[in-house]
């Protein structure tokens, strides 16, 4: 996933997947270094997403992360 994002930093689907995984990963794994960056990216690019399912995925990932805090 990290390689795919490195190749295409504007890939919204990969960024939402990474955000969802990192926001649910146990803290001791230390896999959370992109949370703030991905969250800001998803919010900034939400309106350019045409796919309704992807928009729902973004909304759900952001809401789930907020609930888990």
N, C-alpha and C. Protein backbone atom coordinates (compact mmCIF):
# COMPACT_ATOMS: atom_id res chain seq x y z
N UNK A 1 0.82 -1.17 0.00
CA UNK A 1 0.00 0.00 0.00
C UNK A 1 0.87 1.25 0.00
N UNK A 2 1.91 1.25 0.82
CA UNK A 2 2.79 2.42 0.88
C UNK A 2 3.45 2.68 -0.48
N UNK A 3 3.84 1.62 -1.18
CA UNK A 3 4.45 1.78 -2.50
C UNK A 3 3.45 2.35 -3.50
N UNK A 4 2.21 1.89 -3.44
CA UNK A 4 1.18 2.39 -4.35
C UNK A 4 0.92 3.88 -4.10
N UNK A 5 0.89 4.28 -2.85
CA UNK A 5 0.67 5.69 -2.53
C UNK A 5 1.87 6.53 -2.93
N UNK A 6 3.07 5.97 -2.78
CA UNK A 6 4.28 6.70 -3.19
C UNK A 6 4.28 6.93 -4.70
N UNK A 7 3.75 5.95 -5.46
CA UNK A 7 3.69 6.09 -6.92
C UNK A 7 2.62 7.09 -7.36
N UNK A 8 1.52 7.15 -6.60
CA UNK A 8 0.42 8.06 -6.94
C UNK A 8 -0.14 8.67 -5.66
N UNK A 9 0.42 9.79 -5.27
CA UNK A 9 0.03 10.41 -4.00
C UNK A 9 -1.39 10.98 -4.02
N UNK A 10 -1.99 11.08 -5.20
CA UNK A 10 -3.35 11.61 -5.31
C UNK A 10 -4.42 10.53 -5.40
N UNK A 11 -4.04 9.27 -5.17
CA UNK A 11 -4.98 8.16 -5.23
C UNK A 11 -5.85 8.17 -3.97
N UNK A 12 -7.06 8.68 -4.11
CA UNK A 12 -7.96 8.85 -2.97
C UNK A 12 -8.32 7.50 -2.35
N UNK A 13 -8.57 6.50 -3.17
CA UNK A 13 -8.97 5.19 -2.64
C UNK A 13 -7.88 4.58 -1.77
N UNK A 14 -6.64 4.65 -2.21
CA UNK A 14 -5.54 4.10 -1.41
C UNK A 14 -5.35 4.91 -0.13
N UNK A 15 -5.54 6.21 -0.22
CA UNK A 15 -5.37 7.05 0.98
C UNK A 15 -6.46 6.77 2.01
N UNK A 16 -7.69 6.54 1.57
CA UNK A 16 -8.76 6.24 2.53
C UNK A 16 -8.55 4.86 3.15
N UNK A 17 -8.05 3.92 2.37
CA UNK A 17 -7.75 2.60 2.93
C UNK A 17 -6.66 2.69 3.98
N UNK A 18 -5.59 3.41 3.68
CA UNK A 18 -4.51 3.56 4.65
C UNK A 18 -5.01 4.27 5.90
N UNK A 19 -5.82 5.31 5.71
CA UNK A 19 -6.37 6.04 6.85
C UNK A 19 -7.20 5.11 7.74
N UNK A 20 -8.06 4.31 7.12
CA UNK A 20 -8.91 3.39 7.89
C UNK A 20 -8.08 2.37 8.64
N UNK A 21 -7.06 1.84 7.99
CA UNK A 21 -6.20 0.85 8.64
C UNK A 21 -5.42 1.48 9.78
N UNK A 22 -4.79 2.62 9.53
CA UNK A 22 -3.97 3.25 10.57
C UNK A 22 -4.82 3.72 11.74
N UNK A 23 -6.02 4.19 11.49
CA UNK A 23 -6.85 4.67 12.60
C UNK A 23 -7.36 3.52 13.46
N UNK A 24 -7.32 2.30 12.95
CA UNK A 24 -7.76 1.13 13.72
C UNK A 24 -6.62 0.24 14.19
N UNK A 25 -5.40 0.55 13.78
CA UNK A 25 -4.25 -0.26 14.19
C UNK A 25 -3.92 0.00 15.66
N UNK A 26 -3.56 -1.05 16.39
CA UNK A 26 -3.16 -0.85 17.79
C UNK A 26 -1.95 0.08 17.88
N UNK A 27 -1.95 0.93 18.87
CA UNK A 27 -0.88 1.92 19.03
C UNK A 27 0.51 1.33 19.12
N UNK A 28 0.63 0.13 19.73
CA UNK A 28 1.96 -0.46 19.89
C UNK A 28 2.61 -0.85 18.57
N UNK A 29 1.83 -0.93 17.51
CA UNK A 29 2.41 -1.23 16.20
C UNK A 29 3.14 -0.03 15.61
N UNK A 30 2.76 1.15 16.04
CA UNK A 30 3.40 2.36 15.53
C UNK A 30 3.04 2.68 14.08
N UNK A 31 1.98 2.07 13.57
CA UNK A 31 1.58 2.32 12.19
C UNK A 31 0.49 3.39 12.17
N UNK A 32 0.91 4.63 12.42
CA UNK A 32 -0.06 5.72 12.48
C UNK A 32 0.54 7.05 12.03
N UNK A 33 1.66 6.99 11.36
CA UNK A 33 2.40 8.21 11.02
C UNK A 33 1.74 9.06 9.93
N UNK A 34 0.76 8.53 9.23
CA UNK A 34 0.14 9.27 8.13
C UNK A 34 -1.28 9.72 8.43
N UNK A 35 -1.74 9.50 9.64
CA UNK A 35 -3.14 9.79 9.97
C UNK A 35 -3.54 11.23 9.69
N UNK A 36 -2.81 12.17 10.23
CA UNK A 36 -3.18 13.58 10.08
C UNK A 36 -3.09 14.03 8.62
N UNK A 37 -2.04 13.60 7.95
CA UNK A 37 -1.85 13.96 6.55
C UNK A 37 -2.96 13.37 5.68
N UNK A 38 -3.28 12.09 5.89
CA UNK A 38 -4.33 11.45 5.10
C UNK A 38 -5.70 12.07 5.40
N UNK A 39 -5.96 12.39 6.66
CA UNK A 39 -7.24 13.01 7.02
C UNK A 39 -7.39 14.35 6.30
N UNK A 40 -6.36 15.17 6.34
CA UNK A 40 -6.40 16.47 5.67
C UNK A 40 -6.58 16.29 4.16
N UNK A 41 -5.89 15.31 3.58
CA UNK A 41 -6.00 15.02 2.14
C UNK A 41 -7.43 14.61 1.79
N UNK A 42 -8.01 13.71 2.59
CA UNK A 42 -9.36 13.23 2.30
C UNK A 42 -10.39 14.34 2.40
N UNK A 43 -10.27 15.19 3.40
CA UNK A 43 -11.20 16.31 3.55
C UNK A 43 -11.04 17.28 2.38
N UNK A 44 -9.81 17.59 2.02
CA UNK A 44 -9.54 18.54 0.94
C UNK A 44 -10.00 18.04 -0.42
N UNK A 45 -9.96 16.72 -0.62
CA UNK A 45 -10.28 16.16 -1.94
C UNK A 45 -11.66 15.51 -2.02
N UNK A 46 -12.43 15.57 -0.96
CA UNK A 46 -13.74 14.93 -0.92
C UNK A 46 -14.63 15.36 -2.08
N UNK A 47 -14.68 16.64 -2.36
CA UNK A 47 -15.58 17.15 -3.40
C UNK A 47 -15.16 16.80 -4.81
N UNK A 48 -13.93 16.38 -5.02
CA UNK A 48 -13.52 15.99 -6.37
C UNK A 48 -13.80 14.51 -6.67
N UNK A 49 -14.27 13.78 -5.66
CA UNK A 49 -14.60 12.36 -5.83
C UNK A 49 -16.00 12.26 -6.43
N UNK A 50 -16.10 11.54 -7.55
CA UNK A 50 -17.39 11.36 -8.23
C UNK A 50 -18.09 10.07 -7.82
N UNK A 51 -17.34 9.09 -7.39
CA UNK A 51 -17.87 7.77 -7.05
C UNK A 51 -18.59 7.83 -5.70
N UNK A 52 -19.89 7.54 -5.70
CA UNK A 52 -20.69 7.62 -4.47
C UNK A 52 -20.21 6.63 -3.42
N UNK A 53 -19.81 5.44 -3.85
CA UNK A 53 -19.34 4.43 -2.90
C UNK A 53 -18.04 4.88 -2.23
N UNK A 54 -17.16 5.50 -2.99
CA UNK A 54 -15.90 6.00 -2.43
C UNK A 54 -16.16 7.16 -1.47
N UNK A 55 -17.10 8.02 -1.82
CA UNK A 55 -17.47 9.12 -0.91
C UNK A 55 -18.00 8.57 0.41
N UNK A 56 -18.82 7.53 0.33
CA UNK A 56 -19.35 6.91 1.53
C UNK A 56 -18.23 6.27 2.35
N UNK A 57 -17.27 5.65 1.67
CA UNK A 57 -16.13 5.05 2.35
C UNK A 57 -15.34 6.12 3.11
N UNK A 58 -15.14 7.26 2.49
CA UNK A 58 -14.41 8.36 3.14
C UNK A 58 -15.19 8.85 4.36
N UNK A 59 -16.48 9.08 4.18
CA UNK A 59 -17.32 9.56 5.27
C UNK A 59 -17.29 8.58 6.44
N UNK A 60 -17.44 7.30 6.15
CA UNK A 60 -17.45 6.29 7.20
C UNK A 60 -16.10 6.18 7.90
N UNK A 61 -15.02 6.24 7.15
CA UNK A 61 -13.68 6.13 7.75
C UNK A 61 -13.42 7.31 8.68
N UNK A 62 -13.78 8.51 8.25
CA UNK A 62 -13.56 9.69 9.09
C UNK A 62 -14.45 9.64 10.33
N UNK A 63 -15.69 9.20 10.18
CA UNK A 63 -16.60 9.11 11.32
C UNK A 63 -16.16 8.03 12.31
N UNK A 64 -15.72 6.89 11.79
CA UNK A 64 -15.28 5.80 12.66
C UNK A 64 -14.04 6.19 13.45
N UNK A 65 -13.14 6.91 12.82
CA UNK A 65 -11.92 7.34 13.51
C UNK A 65 -12.27 8.33 14.61
N UNK A 66 -13.25 9.18 14.35
CA UNK A 66 -13.67 10.17 15.36
C UNK A 66 -14.28 9.46 16.56
N UNK A 67 -15.08 8.41 16.32
CA UNK A 67 -15.73 7.66 17.40
C UNK A 67 -14.73 6.90 18.25
N UNK A 68 -13.67 6.41 17.63
CA UNK A 68 -12.70 5.58 18.36
C UNK A 68 -11.78 6.39 19.25
N UNK A 69 -11.79 7.69 19.12
CA UNK A 69 -10.90 8.54 19.93
C UNK A 69 -11.48 8.75 21.31
